[in-house]
Amino acid sequence: MASDVCILLGQRIRKLRKARGWRQLDLAEQAGINENYVSDLELGQKEACLKTLATLARAFGIKLESVFLVGI
């Protein structure tokens, strides 16, 4: 079962992705990860390691700490 932090992080990733007009496939390609993994992250069904979060931050063109900001 997903933890609250995974769900919140997944919502943040989805918000960042949609703000760029990207599909999950677009984010997966930009980050070099599997599209199904992107979906699982956004749904809070998978936990992301720090390396993956850094990869996502680079794909979004933001600092790692910005991945964790809520309400932006």
N, C-alpha and C. Protein backbone atom coordinates (compact mmCIF):
# COMPACT_ATOMS: atom_id res chain seq x y z
N MET A 1 0.84 -1.18 0.00
CA MET A 1 0.00 0.00 0.00
C MET A 1 0.88 1.25 0.00
N ALA A 2 0.52 2.23 -0.77
CA ALA A 2 1.31 3.46 -0.89
C ALA A 2 1.20 4.29 0.38
N SER A 3 2.29 4.95 0.71
CA SER A 3 2.26 5.84 1.86
C SER A 3 1.83 7.23 1.41
N ASP A 4 1.42 8.03 2.38
CA ASP A 4 0.97 9.39 2.07
C ASP A 4 2.04 10.18 1.33
N VAL A 5 3.30 10.01 1.71
CA VAL A 5 4.37 10.77 1.06
C VAL A 5 4.50 10.37 -0.40
N CYS A 6 4.29 9.11 -0.71
CA CYS A 6 4.36 8.67 -2.11
C CYS A 6 3.21 9.27 -2.92
N ILE A 7 2.05 9.35 -2.32
CA ILE A 7 0.90 9.93 -3.01
C ILE A 7 1.13 11.42 -3.25
N LEU A 8 1.62 12.13 -2.24
CA LEU A 8 1.89 13.57 -2.39
C LEU A 8 2.97 13.81 -3.44
N LEU A 9 4.02 13.01 -3.41
CA LEU A 9 5.09 13.16 -4.40
C LEU A 9 4.56 12.86 -5.80
N GLY A 10 3.73 11.84 -5.92
CA GLY A 10 3.15 11.51 -7.22
C GLY A 10 2.29 12.65 -7.77
N GLN A 11 1.54 13.28 -6.88
CA GLN A 11 0.72 14.43 -7.30
C GLN A 11 1.61 15.57 -7.77
N ARG A 12 2.72 15.76 -7.09
CA ARG A 12 3.66 16.83 -7.47
C ARG A 12 4.28 16.55 -8.84
N ILE A 13 4.68 15.31 -9.05
CA ILE A 13 5.27 14.93 -10.34
C ILE A 13 4.25 15.14 -11.46
N ARG A 14 3.01 14.72 -11.23
CA ARG A 14 1.96 14.91 -12.24
C ARG A 14 1.75 16.39 -12.53
N LYS A 15 1.74 17.21 -11.49
CA LYS A 15 1.54 18.66 -11.67
C LYS A 15 2.68 19.27 -12.49
N LEU A 16 3.91 18.89 -12.19
CA LEU A 16 5.06 19.38 -12.94
C LEU A 16 4.98 18.95 -14.40
N ARG A 17 4.60 17.70 -14.60
CA ARG A 17 4.49 17.17 -15.97
C ARG A 17 3.41 17.91 -16.76
N LYS A 18 2.25 18.04 -16.17
CA LYS A 18 1.14 18.68 -16.88
C LYS A 18 1.41 20.16 -17.13
N ALA A 19 2.15 20.81 -16.24
CA ALA A 19 2.49 22.22 -16.43
C ALA A 19 3.33 22.42 -17.69
N ARG A 20 4.02 21.38 -18.10
CA ARG A 20 4.83 21.45 -19.32
C ARG A 20 4.07 20.94 -20.54
N GLY A 21 2.86 20.46 -20.32
CA GLY A 21 2.08 19.93 -21.43
C GLY A 21 2.57 18.57 -21.90
N TRP A 22 3.26 17.86 -21.02
CA TRP A 22 3.82 16.55 -21.36
C TRP A 22 2.86 15.44 -21.04
N ARG A 23 2.90 14.40 -21.86
CA ARG A 23 2.25 13.14 -21.54
C ARG A 23 3.22 12.34 -20.65
N GLN A 24 2.74 11.28 -20.06
CA GLN A 24 3.64 10.43 -19.27
C GLN A 24 4.77 9.90 -20.14
N LEU A 25 4.47 9.60 -21.38
CA LEU A 25 5.49 9.12 -22.31
C LEU A 25 6.56 10.18 -22.52
N ASP A 26 6.16 11.44 -22.64
CA ASP A 26 7.13 12.52 -22.83
C ASP A 26 8.09 12.62 -21.64
N LEU A 27 7.53 12.56 -20.43
CA LEU A 27 8.38 12.61 -19.24
C LEU A 27 9.30 11.41 -19.19
N ALA A 28 8.76 10.25 -19.49
CA ALA A 28 9.58 9.03 -19.50
C ALA A 28 10.76 9.16 -20.46
N GLU A 29 10.49 9.69 -21.64
CA GLU A 29 11.57 9.86 -22.62
C GLU A 29 12.58 10.91 -22.16
N GLN A 30 12.10 12.02 -21.61
CA GLN A 30 12.99 13.08 -21.13
C GLN A 30 13.89 12.58 -20.00
N ALA A 31 13.32 11.74 -19.13
CA ALA A 31 14.05 11.27 -17.95
C ALA A 31 14.79 9.95 -18.20
N GLY A 32 14.47 9.29 -19.30
CA GLY A 32 15.12 8.00 -19.58
C GLY A 32 14.62 6.89 -18.67
N ILE A 33 13.34 6.96 -18.31
CA ILE A 33 12.75 5.92 -17.47
C ILE A 33 11.52 5.35 -18.18
N ASN A 34 11.00 4.27 -17.66
CA ASN A 34 9.87 3.59 -18.27
C ASN A 34 8.57 4.35 -18.03
N GLU A 35 7.72 4.40 -19.04
CA GLU A 35 6.44 5.10 -18.93
C GLU A 35 5.56 4.50 -17.83
N ASN A 36 5.57 3.19 -17.69
CA ASN A 36 4.79 2.55 -16.64
C ASN A 36 5.28 2.97 -15.25
N TYR A 37 6.58 3.17 -15.11
CA TYR A 37 7.14 3.62 -13.84
C TYR A 37 6.67 5.05 -13.53
N VAL A 38 6.61 5.90 -14.54
CA VAL A 38 6.09 7.26 -14.36
C VAL A 38 4.65 7.18 -13.85
N SER A 39 3.85 6.34 -14.46
CA SER A 39 2.46 6.17 -14.04
C SER A 39 2.38 5.70 -12.59
N ASP A 40 3.17 4.70 -12.25
CA ASP A 40 3.18 4.17 -10.88
C ASP A 40 3.62 5.23 -9.87
N LEU A 41 4.61 6.05 -10.25
CA LEU A 41 5.04 7.13 -9.36
C LEU A 41 3.92 8.12 -9.14
N GLU A 42 3.27 8.53 -10.21
CA GLU A 42 2.21 9.52 -10.12
C GLU A 42 1.02 9.01 -9.30
N LEU A 43 0.79 7.73 -9.33
CA LEU A 43 -0.31 7.14 -8.56
C LEU A 43 0.09 6.84 -7.12
N GLY A 44 1.37 7.05 -6.80
CA GLY A 44 1.85 6.77 -5.44
C GLY A 44 2.02 5.29 -5.18
N GLN A 45 2.11 4.50 -6.24
CA GLN A 45 2.23 3.06 -6.10
C GLN A 45 3.67 2.58 -6.02
N LYS A 46 4.61 3.44 -6.37
CA LYS A 46 6.04 3.11 -6.30
C LYS A 46 6.76 4.19 -5.51
N GLU A 47 7.80 3.80 -4.84
CA GLU A 47 8.66 4.76 -4.15
C GLU A 47 9.82 5.11 -5.08
N ALA A 48 10.15 6.37 -5.16
CA ALA A 48 11.26 6.81 -6.00
C ALA A 48 12.50 6.96 -5.14
N CYS A 49 13.62 6.45 -5.63
CA CYS A 49 14.88 6.65 -4.92
C CYS A 49 15.40 8.05 -5.25
N LEU A 50 16.37 8.49 -4.51
CA LEU A 50 16.93 9.83 -4.68
C LEU A 50 17.49 10.02 -6.09
N LYS A 51 18.11 8.98 -6.62
CA LYS A 51 18.68 9.07 -7.97
C LYS A 51 17.57 9.32 -9.00
N THR A 52 16.44 8.65 -8.87
CA THR A 52 15.32 8.85 -9.77
C THR A 52 14.75 10.25 -9.63
N LEU A 53 14.63 10.73 -8.41
CA LEU A 53 14.13 12.08 -8.19
C LEU A 53 15.06 13.12 -8.82
N ALA A 54 16.36 12.90 -8.72
CA ALA A 54 17.32 13.81 -9.35
C ALA A 54 17.18 13.77 -10.87
N THR A 55 16.96 12.59 -11.42
CA THR A 55 16.75 12.44 -12.86
C THR A 55 15.49 13.17 -13.31
N LEU A 56 14.43 13.04 -12.54
CA LEU A 56 13.19 13.75 -12.87
C LEU A 56 13.38 15.26 -12.78
N ALA A 57 14.09 15.72 -11.76
CA ALA A 57 14.35 17.15 -11.62
C ALA A 57 15.10 17.68 -12.84
N ARG A 58 16.10 16.94 -13.29
CA ARG A 58 16.86 17.36 -14.48
C ARG A 58 15.94 17.40 -15.70
N ALA A 59 15.08 16.41 -15.83
CA ALA A 59 14.15 16.38 -16.97
C ALA A 59 13.22 17.59 -16.94
N PHE A 60 12.80 17.99 -15.75
CA PHE A 60 11.93 19.15 -15.61
C PHE A 60 12.70 20.47 -15.68
N GLY A 61 14.03 20.39 -15.56
CA GLY A 61 14.84 21.61 -15.58
C GLY A 61 14.72 22.40 -14.29
N ILE A 62 14.57 21.68 -13.17
CA ILE A 62 14.44 22.34 -11.87
C ILE A 62 15.45 21.74 -10.89
N LYS A 63 15.63 22.42 -9.78
CA LYS A 63 16.50 21.89 -8.72
C LYS A 63 15.79 20.73 -8.03
N LEU A 64 16.58 19.81 -7.51
CA LEU A 64 16.03 18.65 -6.84
C LEU A 64 15.05 19.03 -5.74
N GLU A 65 15.40 20.02 -4.93
CA GLU A 65 14.52 20.39 -3.82
C GLU A 65 13.16 20.90 -4.31
N SER A 66 13.11 21.41 -5.53
CA SER A 66 11.84 21.90 -6.08
C SER A 66 10.85 20.79 -6.36
N VAL A 67 11.33 19.56 -6.50
CA VAL A 67 10.44 18.43 -6.71
C VAL A 67 9.54 18.25 -5.48
N PHE A 68 10.05 18.64 -4.33
CA PHE A 68 9.33 18.41 -3.08
C PHE A 68 8.41 19.55 -2.69
N LEU A 69 8.46 20.68 -3.39
CA LEU A 69 7.64 21.82 -3.03
C LEU A 69 6.19 21.58 -3.40
N VAL A 70 5.32 21.85 -2.48
CA VAL A 70 3.89 21.67 -2.71
C VAL A 70 3.26 23.05 -2.94
N GLY A 71 2.31 23.11 -3.84
CA GLY A 71 1.60 24.35 -4.08
C GLY A 71 2.21 25.23 -5.15
N ILE A 72 3.17 24.68 -5.90
CA ILE A 72 3.80 25.47 -6.97
C ILE A 72 3.34 24.94 -8.30
